[in-house]
Amino acid sequence: MDRYSKVGKLVRDRIPQIVRENGAEPVIYTAGPEEYRSRLRNKLGEEVAEFLEADEESAPEELADVLEVVRALAADLGVDADQLEKIREAKAGQRGGFADRIIWTGNR
């Protein structure tokens, strides 16, 4: 657990507006760069855990949440969605993807 995880949580940009529309006043602040990166990393773990626990019906929505956090992390690292896709494609070209469902159990 890092020093930021004790108070508050990183939420999507429109959440304060939605809270206001529902009649409450949110207590918020804007994270600095170090805290933002730390909270994004924590959020990724949170979203992955939600995806892993999801049933087939809610899994696509949870996976979209994972993707949103991945894109935010990439942007924080100075990598846009197109660059990230090019990196993914290059890696898939070198090592392949996961479409063939190959399970490695070791070497002989």
PDB file of N, CA and C in Angstrom:
ATOM      1  N   MET A   1       0.850  -1.175   0.000  1.00  0.00           N
ATOM      2  CA  MET A   1       0.000   0.000   0.000  1.00  0.00           C
ATOM      3  C   MET A   1       0.899   1.241   0.000  1.00  0.00           C
ATOM      4  N   ASP A   2       0.624   2.169  -0.904  1.00  0.00           N
ATOM      5  CA  ASP A   2       1.443   3.373  -0.948  1.00  0.00           C
ATOM      6  C   ASP A   2       0.836   4.471  -0.092  1.00  0.00           C
ATOM      7  N   ARG A   3       1.534   5.566  -0.007  1.00  0.00           N
ATOM      8  CA  ARG A   3       1.112   6.644   0.897  1.00  0.00           C
ATOM      9  C   ARG A   3      -0.157   7.352   0.448  1.00  0.00           C
ATOM     10  N   TYR A   4      -0.574   7.159  -0.811  1.00  0.00           N
ATOM     11  CA  TYR A   4      -1.742   7.857  -1.329  1.00  0.00           C
ATOM     12  C   TYR A   4      -3.047   7.077  -1.161  1.00  0.00           C
ATOM     13  N   SER A   5      -2.962   5.806  -0.907  1.00  0.00           N
ATOM     14  CA  SER A   5      -4.163   4.978  -0.948  1.00  0.00           C
ATOM     15  C   SER A   5      -5.057   5.124   0.287  1.00  0.00           C
ATOM     16  N   LYS A   6      -4.654   5.908   1.269  1.00  0.00           N
ATOM     17  CA  LYS A   6      -5.436   6.028   2.502  1.00  0.00           C
ATOM     18  C   LYS A   6      -6.646   6.938   2.359  1.00  0.00           C
ATOM     19  N   VAL A   7      -6.545   7.989   1.557  1.00  0.00           N
ATOM     20  CA  VAL A   7      -7.609   8.982   1.469  1.00  0.00           C
ATOM     21  C   VAL A   7      -8.044   9.142   0.023  1.00  0.00           C
ATOM     22  N   GLY A   8      -9.350   8.980  -0.213  1.00  0.00           N
ATOM     23  CA  GLY A   8      -9.885   9.205  -1.545  1.00  0.00           C
ATOM     24  C   GLY A   8      -9.472   8.150  -2.553  1.00  0.00           C
ATOM     25  N   LYS A   9     -10.006   8.323  -3.753  1.00  0.00           N
ATOM     26  CA  LYS A   9      -9.638   7.412  -4.836  1.00  0.00           C
ATOM     27  C   LYS A   9      -9.728   8.141  -6.163  1.00  0.00           C
ATOM     28  N   LEU A  10      -8.960   7.700  -7.107  1.00  0.00           N
ATOM     29  CA  LEU A  10      -8.979   8.259  -8.449  1.00  0.00           C
ATOM     30  C   LEU A  10     -10.296   7.872  -9.113  1.00  0.00           C
ATOM     31  N   VAL A  11     -10.991   8.865  -9.655  1.00  0.00           N
ATOM     32  CA  VAL A  11     -12.261   8.618 -10.333  1.00  0.00           C
ATOM     33  C   VAL A  11     -12.225   9.224 -11.728  1.00  0.00           C
ATOM     34  N   ARG A  12     -13.154   8.788 -12.555  1.00  0.00           N
ATOM     35  CA  ARG A  12     -13.261   9.333 -13.905  1.00  0.00           C
ATOM     36  C   ARG A  12     -13.599  10.820 -13.853  1.00  0.00           C
ATOM     37  N   ASP A  13     -13.194  11.535 -14.891  1.00  0.00           N
ATOM     38  CA  ASP A  13     -13.296  12.995 -14.944  1.00  0.00           C
ATOM     39  C   ASP A  13     -14.703  13.548 -14.737  1.00  0.00           C
ATOM     40  N   ARG A  14     -15.723  12.857 -15.169  1.00  0.00           N
ATOM     41  CA  ARG A  14     -17.086  13.379 -15.076  1.00  0.00           C
ATOM     42  C   ARG A  14     -17.797  13.031 -13.768  1.00  0.00           C
ATOM     43  N   ILE A  15     -17.142  12.253 -12.903  1.00  0.00           N
ATOM     44  CA  ILE A  15     -17.785  11.840 -11.656  1.00  0.00           C
ATOM     45  C   ILE A  15     -18.199  13.037 -10.792  1.00  0.00           C
ATOM     46  N   PRO A  16     -17.363  14.071 -10.599  1.00  0.00           N
ATOM     47  CA  PRO A  16     -17.825  15.215  -9.804  1.00  0.00           C
ATOM     48  C   PRO A  16     -19.090  15.861 -10.372  1.00  0.00           C
ATOM     49  N   GLN A  17     -19.161  15.992 -11.682  1.00  0.00           N
ATOM     50  CA  GLN A  17     -20.352  16.565 -12.332  1.00  0.00           C
ATOM     51  C   GLN A  17     -21.573  15.685 -12.072  1.00  0.00           C
ATOM     52  N   ILE A  18     -21.411  14.393 -12.183  1.00  0.00           N
ATOM     53  CA  ILE A  18     -22.514  13.460 -11.946  1.00  0.00           C
ATOM     54  C   ILE A  18     -22.985  13.539 -10.496  1.00  0.00           C
ATOM     55  N   VAL A  19     -22.031  13.645  -9.567  1.00  0.00           N
ATOM     56  CA  VAL A  19     -22.384  13.777  -8.148  1.00  0.00           C
ATOM     57  C   VAL A  19     -23.196  15.055  -7.935  1.00  0.00           C
ATOM     58  N   ARG A  20     -22.751  16.162  -8.553  1.00  0.00           N
ATOM     59  CA  ARG A  20     -23.487  17.435  -8.422  1.00  0.00           C
ATOM     60  C   ARG A  20     -24.894  17.320  -8.995  1.00  0.00           C
ATOM     61  N   GLU A  21     -25.011  16.647 -10.141  1.00  0.00           N
ATOM     62  CA  GLU A  21     -26.325  16.468 -10.775  1.00  0.00           C
ATOM     63  C   GLU A  21     -27.272  15.663  -9.882  1.00  0.00           C
ATOM     64  N   ASN A  22     -26.684  14.858  -9.003  1.00  0.00           N
ATOM     65  CA  ASN A  22     -27.481  14.059  -8.067  1.00  0.00           C
ATOM     66  C   ASN A  22     -27.689  14.766  -6.730  1.00  0.00           C
ATOM     67  N   GLY A  23     -27.344  16.064  -6.668  1.00  0.00           N
ATOM     68  CA  GLY A  23     -27.674  16.869  -5.508  1.00  0.00           C
ATOM     69  C   GLY A  23     -26.644  16.934  -4.404  1.00  0.00           C
ATOM     70  N   ALA A  24     -25.470  16.387  -4.599  1.00  0.00           N
ATOM     71  CA  ALA A  24     -24.426  16.453  -3.567  1.00  0.00           C
ATOM     72  C   ALA A  24     -23.265  17.304  -4.071  1.00  0.00           C
ATOM     73  N   GLU A  25     -22.424  17.723  -3.167  1.00  0.00           N
ATOM     74  CA  GLU A  25     -21.230  18.493  -3.539  1.00  0.00           C
ATOM     75  C   GLU A  25     -20.001  17.636  -3.233  1.00  0.00           C
ATOM     76  N   PRO A  26     -19.279  17.193  -4.275  1.00  0.00           N
ATOM     77  CA  PRO A  26     -18.122  16.327  -4.053  1.00  0.00           C
ATOM     78  C   PRO A  26     -16.943  17.096  -3.451  1.00  0.00           C
ATOM     79  N   VAL A  27     -16.198  16.429  -2.611  1.00  0.00           N
ATOM     80  CA  VAL A  27     -14.948  16.973  -2.079  1.00  0.00           C
ATOM     81  C   VAL A  27     -13.839  16.340  -2.905  1.00  0.00           C
ATOM     82  N   ILE A  28     -13.150  17.176  -3.684  1.00  0.00           N
ATOM     83  CA  ILE A  28     -12.148  16.672  -4.625  1.00  0.00           C
ATOM     84  C   ILE A  28     -10.910  17.555  -4.606  1.00  0.00           C
ATOM     85  N   TYR A  29      -9.831  17.028  -5.167  1.00  0.00           N
ATOM     86  CA  TYR A  29      -8.643  17.814  -5.458  1.00  0.00           C
ATOM     87  C   TYR A  29      -7.961  17.178  -6.662  1.00  0.00           C
ATOM     88  N   THR A  30      -7.056  17.896  -7.276  1.00  0.00           N
ATOM     89  CA  THR A  30      -6.331  17.392  -8.426  1.00  0.00           C
ATOM     90  C   THR A  30      -4.985  16.851  -7.956  1.00  0.00           C
ATOM     91  N   ALA A  31      -4.711  15.608  -8.299  1.00  0.00           N
ATOM     92  CA  ALA A  31      -3.457  14.961  -7.902  1.00  0.00           C
ATOM     93  C   ALA A  31      -2.283  15.566  -8.667  1.00  0.00           C
ATOM     94  N   GLY A  32      -1.158  15.619  -8.009  1.00  0.00           N
ATOM     95  CA  GLY A  32       0.080  15.993  -8.680  1.00  0.00           C
ATOM     96  C   GLY A  32       0.581  14.817  -9.507  1.00  0.00           C
ATOM     97  N   PRO A  33       1.619  15.023 -10.309  1.00  0.00           N
ATOM     98  CA  PRO A  33       2.108  13.970 -11.214  1.00  0.00           C
ATOM     99  C   PRO A  33       2.483  12.655 -10.526  1.00  0.00           C
ATOM    100  N   GLU A  34       3.203  12.726  -9.414  1.00  0.00           N
ATOM    101  CA  GLU A  34       3.636  11.500  -8.730  1.00  0.00           C
ATOM    102  C   GLU A  34       2.437  10.738  -8.158  1.00  0.00           C
ATOM    103  N   GLU A  35       1.541  11.474  -7.514  1.00  0.00           N
ATOM    104  CA  GLU A  35       0.359  10.833  -6.941  1.00  0.00           C
ATOM    105  C   GLU A  35      -0.525  10.264  -8.040  1.00  0.00           C
ATOM    106  N   TYR A  36      -0.689  11.020  -9.130  1.00  0.00           N
ATOM    107  CA  TYR A  36      -1.520  10.555 -10.245  1.00  0.00           C
ATOM    108  C   TYR A  36      -1.008   9.223 -10.788  1.00  0.00           C
ATOM    109  N   ARG A  37       0.288   9.133 -11.028  1.00  0.00           N
ATOM    110  CA  ARG A  37       0.851   7.883 -11.559  1.00  0.00           C
ATOM    111  C   ARG A  37       0.645   6.743 -10.575  1.00  0.00           C
ATOM    112  N   SER A  38       0.869   7.000  -9.304  1.00  0.00           N
ATOM    113  CA  SER A  38       0.679   5.975  -8.285  1.00  0.00           C
ATOM    114  C   SER A  38      -0.778   5.512  -8.237  1.00  0.00           C
ATOM    115  N   ARG A  39      -1.678   6.471  -8.258  1.00  0.00           N
ATOM    116  CA  ARG A  39      -3.105   6.127  -8.199  1.00  0.00           C
ATOM    117  C   ARG A  39      -3.563   5.411  -9.465  1.00  0.00           C
ATOM    118  N   LEU A  40      -3.002   5.781 -10.619  1.00  0.00           N
ATOM    119  CA  LEU A  40      -3.343   5.055 -11.852  1.00  0.00           C
ATOM    120  C   LEU A  40      -2.903   3.599 -11.764  1.00  0.00           C
ATOM    121  N   ARG A  41      -1.719   3.368 -11.243  1.00  0.00           N
ATOM    122  CA  ARG A  41      -1.239   1.988 -11.092  1.00  0.00           C
ATOM    123  C   ARG A  41      -2.153   1.194 -10.155  1.00  0.00           C
ATOM    124  N   ASN A  42      -2.547   1.829  -9.053  1.00  0.00           N
ATOM    125  CA  ASN A  42      -3.485   1.170  -8.133  1.00  0.00           C
ATOM    126  C   ASN A  42      -4.821   0.910  -8.815  1.00  0.00           C
ATOM    127  N   LYS A  43      -5.288   1.883  -9.594  1.00  0.00           N
ATOM    128  CA  LYS A  43      -6.563   1.753 -10.295  1.00  0.00           C
ATOM    129  C   LYS A  43      -6.510   0.598 -11.289  1.00  0.00           C
ATOM    130  N   LEU A  44      -5.366   0.413 -11.935  1.00  0.00           N
ATOM    131  CA  LEU A  44      -5.234  -0.703 -12.874  1.00  0.00           C
ATOM    132  C   LEU A  44      -5.448  -2.028 -12.154  1.00  0.00           C
ATOM    133  N   GLY A  45      -4.821  -2.185 -11.007  1.00  0.00           N
ATOM    134  CA  GLY A  45      -5.015  -3.416 -10.225  1.00  0.00           C
ATOM    135  C   GLY A  45      -6.466  -3.606  -9.819  1.00  0.00           C
ATOM    136  N   GLU A  46      -7.100  -2.514  -9.420  1.00  0.00           N
ATOM    137  CA  GLU A  46      -8.510  -2.532  -9.025  1.00  0.00           C
ATOM    138  C   GLU A  46      -9.392  -2.975 -10.192  1.00  0.00           C
ATOM    139  N   GLU A  47      -9.165  -2.377 -11.348  1.00  0.00           N
ATOM    140  CA  GLU A  47      -9.987  -2.698 -12.525  1.00  0.00           C
ATOM    141  C   GLU A  47      -9.731  -4.119 -13.026  1.00  0.00           C
ATOM    142  N   VAL A  48      -8.485  -4.564 -12.982  1.00  0.00           N
ATOM    143  CA  VAL A  48      -8.185  -5.947 -13.379  1.00  0.00           C
ATOM    144  C   VAL A  48      -8.891  -6.917 -12.437  1.00  0.00           C
ATOM    145  N   ALA A  49      -8.864  -6.635 -11.145  1.00  0.00           N
ATOM    146  CA  ALA A  49      -9.551  -7.507 -10.178  1.00  0.00           C
ATOM    147  C   ALA A  49     -11.046  -7.559 -10.471  1.00  0.00           C
ATOM    148  N   GLU A  50     -11.646  -6.417 -10.805  1.00  0.00           N
ATOM    149  CA  GLU A  50     -13.072  -6.400 -11.136  1.00  0.00           C
ATOM    150  C   GLU A  50     -13.346  -7.212 -12.408  1.00  0.00           C
ATOM    151  N   PHE A  51     -12.456  -7.116 -13.386  1.00  0.00           N
ATOM    152  CA  PHE A  51     -12.618  -7.906 -14.608  1.00  0.00           C
ATOM    153  C   PHE A  51     -12.537  -9.401 -14.290  1.00  0.00           C
ATOM    154  N   LEU A  52     -11.564  -9.783 -13.494  1.00  0.00           N
ATOM    155  CA  LEU A  52     -11.382 -11.198 -13.161  1.00  0.00           C
ATOM    156  C   LEU A  52     -12.573 -11.773 -12.408  1.00  0.00           C
ATOM    157  N   GLU A  53     -13.281 -10.954 -11.667  1.00  0.00           N
ATOM    158  CA  GLU A  53     -14.445 -11.405 -10.906  1.00  0.00           C
ATOM    159  C   GLU A  53     -15.749 -11.296 -11.696  1.00  0.00           C
ATOM    160  N   ALA A  54     -15.703 -10.665 -12.862  1.00  0.00           N
ATOM    161  CA  ALA A  54     -16.917 -10.401 -13.635  1.00  0.00           C
ATOM    162  C   ALA A  54     -17.462 -11.662 -14.303  1.00  0.00           C
ATOM    163  N   ASP A  55     -18.780 -11.686 -14.477  1.00  0.00           N
ATOM    164  CA  ASP A  55     -19.384 -12.757 -15.264  1.00  0.00           C
ATOM    165  C   ASP A  55     -19.292 -12.364 -16.746  1.00  0.00           C
ATOM    166  N   GLU A  56     -19.700 -13.270 -17.620  1.00  0.00           N
ATOM    167  CA  GLU A  56     -19.560 -13.010 -19.059  1.00  0.00           C
ATOM    168  C   GLU A  56     -20.324 -11.786 -19.518  1.00  0.00           C
ATOM    169  N   GLU A  57     -21.433 -11.492 -18.874  1.00  0.00           N
ATOM    170  CA  GLU A  57     -22.244 -10.353 -19.275  1.00  0.00           C
ATOM    171  C   GLU A  57     -21.556  -9.025 -18.947  1.00  0.00           C
ATOM    172  N   SER A  58     -20.966  -8.918 -17.760  1.00  0.00           N
ATOM    173  CA  SER A  58     -20.339  -7.658 -17.365  1.00  0.00           C
ATOM    174  C   SER A  58     -18.849  -7.577 -17.712  1.00  0.00           C
ATOM    175  N   ALA A  59     -18.251  -8.677 -18.161  1.00  0.00           N
ATOM    176  CA  ALA A  59     -16.823  -8.689 -18.470  1.00  0.00           C
ATOM    177  C   ALA A  59     -16.410  -7.654 -19.524  1.00  0.00           C
ATOM    178  N   PRO A  60     -17.160  -7.482 -20.626  1.00  0.00           N
ATOM    179  CA  PRO A  60     -16.738  -6.472 -21.605  1.00  0.00           C
ATOM    180  C   PRO A  60     -16.663  -5.061 -21.027  1.00  0.00           C
ATOM    181  N   GLU A  61     -17.616  -4.700 -20.176  1.00  0.00           N
ATOM    182  CA  GLU A  61     -17.597  -3.376 -19.556  1.00  0.00           C
ATOM    183  C   GLU A  61     -16.398  -3.234 -18.623  1.00  0.00           C
ATOM    184  N   GLU A  62     -16.107  -4.268 -17.864  1.00  0.00           N
ATOM    185  CA  GLU A  62     -14.953  -4.232 -16.959  1.00  0.00           C
ATOM    186  C   GLU A  62     -13.649  -4.169 -17.752  1.00  0.00           C
ATOM    187  N   LEU A  63     -13.597  -4.888 -18.859  1.00  0.00           N
ATOM    188  CA  LEU A  63     -12.407  -4.858 -19.711  1.00  0.00           C
ATOM    189  C   LEU A  63     -12.206  -3.472 -20.322  1.00  0.00           C
ATOM    190  N   ALA A  64     -13.299  -2.800 -20.663  1.00  0.00           N
ATOM    191  CA  ALA A  64     -13.217  -1.424 -21.164  1.00  0.00           C
ATOM    192  C   ALA A  64     -12.649  -0.499 -20.087  1.00  0.00           C
ATOM    193  N   ASP A  65     -12.998  -0.742 -18.820  1.00  0.00           N
ATOM    194  CA  ASP A  65     -12.431   0.044 -17.731  1.00  0.00           C
ATOM    195  C   ASP A  65     -10.918  -0.170 -17.636  1.00  0.00           C
ATOM    196  N   VAL A  66     -10.475  -1.417 -17.797  1.00  0.00           N
ATOM    197  CA  VAL A  66      -9.044  -1.721 -17.794  1.00  0.00           C
ATOM    198  C   VAL A  66      -8.362  -0.941 -18.923  1.00  0.00           C
ATOM    199  N   LEU A  67      -8.958  -0.975 -20.102  1.00  0.00           N
ATOM    200  CA  LEU A  67      -8.391  -0.280 -21.253  1.00  0.00           C
ATOM    201  C   LEU A  67      -8.299   1.226 -21.012  1.00  0.00           C
ATOM    202  N   GLU A  68      -9.310   1.800 -20.383  1.00  0.00           N
ATOM    203  CA  GLU A  68      -9.293   3.234 -20.073  1.00  0.00           C
ATOM    204  C   GLU A  68      -8.108   3.588 -19.174  1.00  0.00           C
ATOM    205  N   VAL A  69      -7.857   2.754 -18.166  1.00  0.00           N
ATOM    206  CA  VAL A  69      -6.737   3.000 -17.271  1.00  0.00           C
ATOM    207  C   VAL A  69      -5.412   2.782 -18.002  1.00  0.00           C
ATOM    208  N   VAL A  70      -5.328   1.767 -18.837  1.00  0.00           N
ATOM    209  CA  VAL A  70      -4.104   1.520 -19.611  1.00  0.00           C
ATOM    210  C   VAL A  70      -3.792   2.723 -20.500  1.00  0.00           C
ATOM    211  N   ARG A  71      -4.802   3.250 -21.144  1.00  0.00           N
ATOM    212  CA  ARG A  71      -4.588   4.428 -21.998  1.00  0.00           C
ATOM    213  C   ARG A  71      -4.148   5.640 -21.182  1.00  0.00           C
ATOM    214  N   ALA A  72      -4.712   5.817 -19.996  1.00  0.00           N
ATOM    215  CA  ALA A  72      -4.298   6.928 -19.134  1.00  0.00           C
ATOM    216  C   ALA A  72      -2.850   6.751 -18.674  1.00  0.00           C
ATOM    217  N   LEU A  73      -2.469   5.523 -18.331  1.00  0.00           N
ATOM    218  CA  LEU A  73      -1.086   5.250 -17.949  1.00  0.00           C
ATOM    219  C   LEU A  73      -0.136   5.520 -19.110  1.00  0.00           C
ATOM    220  N   ALA A  74      -0.522   5.094 -20.305  1.00  0.00           N
ATOM    221  CA  ALA A  74       0.308   5.342 -21.481  1.00  0.00           C
ATOM    222  C   ALA A  74       0.475   6.838 -21.709  1.00  0.00           C
ATOM    223  N   ALA A  75      -0.615   7.585 -21.636  1.00  0.00           N
ATOM    224  CA  ALA A  75      -0.555   9.033 -21.821  1.00  0.00           C
ATOM    225  C   ALA A  75       0.350   9.667 -20.771  1.00  0.00           C
ATOM    226  N   ASP A  76       0.265   9.186 -19.541  1.00  0.00           N
ATOM    227  CA  ASP A  76       1.117   9.699 -18.474  1.00  0.00           C
ATOM    228  C   ASP A  76       2.592   9.448 -18.769  1.00  0.00           C
ATOM    229  N   LEU A  77       2.869   8.385 -19.507  1.00  0.00           N
ATOM    230  CA  LEU A  77       4.240   8.063 -19.908  1.00  0.00           C
ATOM    231  C   LEU A  77       4.635   8.754 -21.216  1.00  0.00           C
ATOM    232  N   GLY A  78       3.723   9.548 -21.767  1.00  0.00           N
ATOM    233  CA  GLY A  78       4.012  10.266 -23.003  1.00  0.00           C
ATOM    234  C   GLY A  78       3.783   9.438 -24.257  1.00  0.00           C
ATOM    235  N   VAL A  79       2.986   8.396 -24.142  1.00  0.00           N
ATOM    236  CA  VAL A  79       2.708   7.499 -25.270  1.00  0.00           C
ATOM    237  C   VAL A  79       1.232   7.611 -25.612  1.00  0.00           C
ATOM    238  N   ASP A  80       0.912   8.024 -26.837  1.00  0.00           N
ATOM    239  CA  ASP A  80      -0.502   8.127 -27.209  1.00  0.00           C
ATOM    240  C   ASP A  80      -1.028   6.768 -27.671  1.00  0.00           C
ATOM    241  N   ALA A  81      -2.332   6.696 -27.913  1.00  0.00           N
ATOM    242  CA  ALA A  81      -2.979   5.423 -28.260  1.00  0.00           C
ATOM    243  C   ALA A  81      -2.392   4.817 -29.530  1.00  0.00           C
ATOM    244  N   ASP A  82      -2.071   5.655 -30.522  1.00  0.00           N
ATOM    245  CA  ASP A  82      -1.481   5.136 -31.765  1.00  0.00           C
ATOM    246  C   ASP A  82      -0.097   4.549 -31.520  1.00  0.00           C
ATOM    247  N   GLN A  83       0.717   5.233 -30.725  1.00  0.00           N
ATOM    248  CA  GLN A  83       2.045   4.719 -30.401  1.00  0.00           C
ATOM    249  C   GLN A  83       1.941   3.414 -29.633  1.00  0.00           C
ATOM    250  N   LEU A  84       1.021   3.362 -28.682  1.00  0.00           N
ATOM    251  CA  LEU A  84       0.832   2.155 -27.891  1.00  0.00           C
ATOM    252  C   LEU A  84       0.432   0.987 -28.786  1.00  0.00           C
ATOM    253  N   GLU A  85      -0.455   1.245 -29.731  1.00  0.00           N
ATOM    254  CA  GLU A  85      -0.870   0.199 -30.667  1.00  0.00           C
ATOM    255  C   GLU A  85       0.304  -0.256 -31.529  1.00  0.00           C
ATOM    256  N   LYS A  86       1.148   0.665 -31.953  1.00  0.00           N
ATOM    257  CA  LYS A  86       2.332   0.295 -32.749  1.00  0.00           C
ATOM    258  C   LYS A  86       3.292  -0.562 -31.935  1.00  0.00           C
ATOM    259  N   ILE A  87       3.461  -0.232 -30.664  1.00  0.00           N
ATOM    260  CA  ILE A  87       4.307  -1.040 -29.783  1.00  0.00           C
ATOM    261  C   ILE A  87       3.715  -2.435 -29.636  1.00  0.00           C
ATOM    262  N   ARG A  88       2.380  -2.488 -29.438  1.00  0.00           N
ATOM    263  CA  ARG A  88       1.707  -3.784 -29.314  1.00  0.00           C
ATOM    264  C   ARG A  88       1.868  -4.605 -30.580  1.00  0.00           C
ATOM    265  N   GLU A  89       1.662  -3.966 -31.740  1.00  0.00           N
ATOM    266  CA  GLU A  89       1.799  -4.661 -33.022  1.00  0.00           C
ATOM    267  C   GLU A  89       3.215  -5.182 -33.233  1.00  0.00           C
ATOM    268  N   ALA A  90       4.216  -4.386 -32.903  1.00  0.00           N
ATOM    269  CA  ALA A  90       5.608  -4.807 -33.058  1.00  0.00           C
ATOM    270  C   ALA A  90       5.901  -6.016 -32.177  1.00  0.00           C
ATOM    271  N   LYS A  91       5.429  -5.966 -30.946  1.00  0.00           N
ATOM    272  CA  LYS A  91       5.651  -7.083 -30.032  1.00  0.00           C
ATOM    273  C   LYS A  91       4.925  -8.331 -30.530  1.00  0.00           C
ATOM    274  N   ALA A  92       3.701  -8.160 -31.013  1.00  0.00           N
ATOM    275  CA  ALA A  92       2.948  -9.296 -31.559  1.00  0.00           C
ATOM    276  C   ALA A  92       3.649  -9.852 -32.796  1.00  0.00           C
ATOM    277  N   GLY A  93       4.230  -8.975 -33.608  1.00  0.00           N
ATOM    278  CA  GLY A  93       4.970  -9.424 -34.779  1.00  0.00           C
ATOM    279  C   GLY A  93       6.200 -10.240 -34.412  1.00  0.00           C
ATOM    280  N   GLN A  94       6.865  -9.868 -33.344  1.00  0.00           N
ATOM    281  CA  GLN A  94       8.075 -10.568 -32.892  1.00  0.00           C
ATOM    282  C   GLN A  94       7.759 -11.844 -32.131  1.00  0.00           C
ATOM    283  N   ARG A  95       6.765 -11.796 -31.262  1.00  0.00           N
ATOM    284  CA  ARG A  95       6.509 -12.902 -30.344  1.00  0.00           C
ATOM    285  C   ARG A  95       5.152 -13.556 -30.516  1.00  0.00           C
ATOM    286  N   GLY A  96       4.296 -12.935 -31.345  1.00  0.00           N
ATOM    287  CA  GLY A  96       2.949 -13.467 -31.559  1.00  0.00           C
ATOM    288  C   GLY A  96       1.964 -12.882 -30.568  1.00  0.00           C
ATOM    289  N   GLY A  97       0.709 -13.291 -30.737  1.00  0.00           N
ATOM    290  CA  GLY A  97      -0.359 -12.857 -29.836  1.00  0.00           C
ATOM    291  C   GLY A  97      -0.767 -14.023 -28.962  1.00  0.00           C
ATOM    292  N   PHE A  98      -2.050 -14.118 -28.694  1.00  0.00           N
ATOM    293  CA  PHE A  98      -2.568 -15.201 -27.844  1.00  0.00           C
ATOM    294  C   PHE A  98      -3.701 -15.967 -28.513  1.00  0.00           C
ATOM    295  N   ALA A  99      -3.950 -15.706 -29.798  1.00  0.00           N
ATOM    296  CA  ALA A  99      -5.081 -16.293 -30.507  1.00  0.00           C
ATOM    297  C   ALA A  99      -5.004 -17.818 -30.628  1.00  0.00           C
ATOM    298  N   ASP A 100      -3.790 -18.364 -30.653  1.00  0.00           N
ATOM    299  CA  ASP A 100      -3.648 -19.811 -30.820  1.00  0.00           C
ATOM    300  C   ASP A 100      -3.827 -20.599 -29.527  1.00  0.00           C
ATOM    301  N   ARG A 101      -4.026 -19.915 -28.408  1.00  0.00           N
ATOM    302  CA  ARG A 101      -4.323 -20.543 -27.115  1.00  0.00           C
ATOM    303  C   ARG A 101      -3.235 -21.505 -26.640  1.00  0.00           C
ATOM    304  N   ILE A 102      -1.991 -21.224 -26.946  1.00  0.00           N
ATOM    305  CA  ILE A 102      -0.878 -22.116 -26.610  1.00  0.00           C
ATOM    306  C   ILE A 102      -0.558 -22.038 -25.123  1.00  0.00           C
ATOM    307  N   ILE A 103      -0.451 -23.200 -24.493  1.00  0.00           N
ATOM    308  CA  ILE A 103      -0.059 -23.307 -23.093  1.00  0.00           C
ATOM    309  C   ILE A 103       1.300 -23.974 -23.036  1.00  0.00           C
ATOM    310  N   TRP A 104       2.275 -23.317 -22.439  1.00  0.00           N
ATOM    311  CA  TRP A 104       3.627 -23.862 -22.311  1.00  0.00           C
ATOM    312  C   TRP A 104       3.767 -24.544 -20.966  1.00  0.00           C
ATOM    313  N   THR A 105       4.203 -25.794 -20.967  1.00  0.00           N
ATOM    314  CA  THR A 105       4.348 -26.529 -19.706  1.00  0.00           C
ATOM    315  C   THR A 105       5.809 -26.809 -19.360  1.00  0.00           C
ATOM    316  N   GLY A 106       6.742 -26.260 -20.136  1.00  0.00           N
ATOM    317  CA  GLY A 106       8.157 -26.447 -19.846  1.00  0.00           C
ATOM    318  C   GLY A 106       8.917 -26.935 -21.063  1.00  0.00           C
ATOM    319  N   ASN A 107      10.167 -27.344 -20.869  1.00  0.00           N
ATOM    320  CA  ASN A 107      11.036 -27.852 -21.951  1.00  0.00           C
ATOM    321  C   ASN A 107      11.477 -29.264 -21.652  1.00  0.00           C
ATOM    322  N   ARG A 108      11.893 -29.973 -22.683  1.00  0.00           N
ATOM    323  CA  ARG A 108      12.439 -31.329 -22.511  1.00  0.00           C
ATOM    324  C   ARG A 108      13.921 -31.312 -22.571  1.00  0.00           C
TER     325      ARG A 108
END
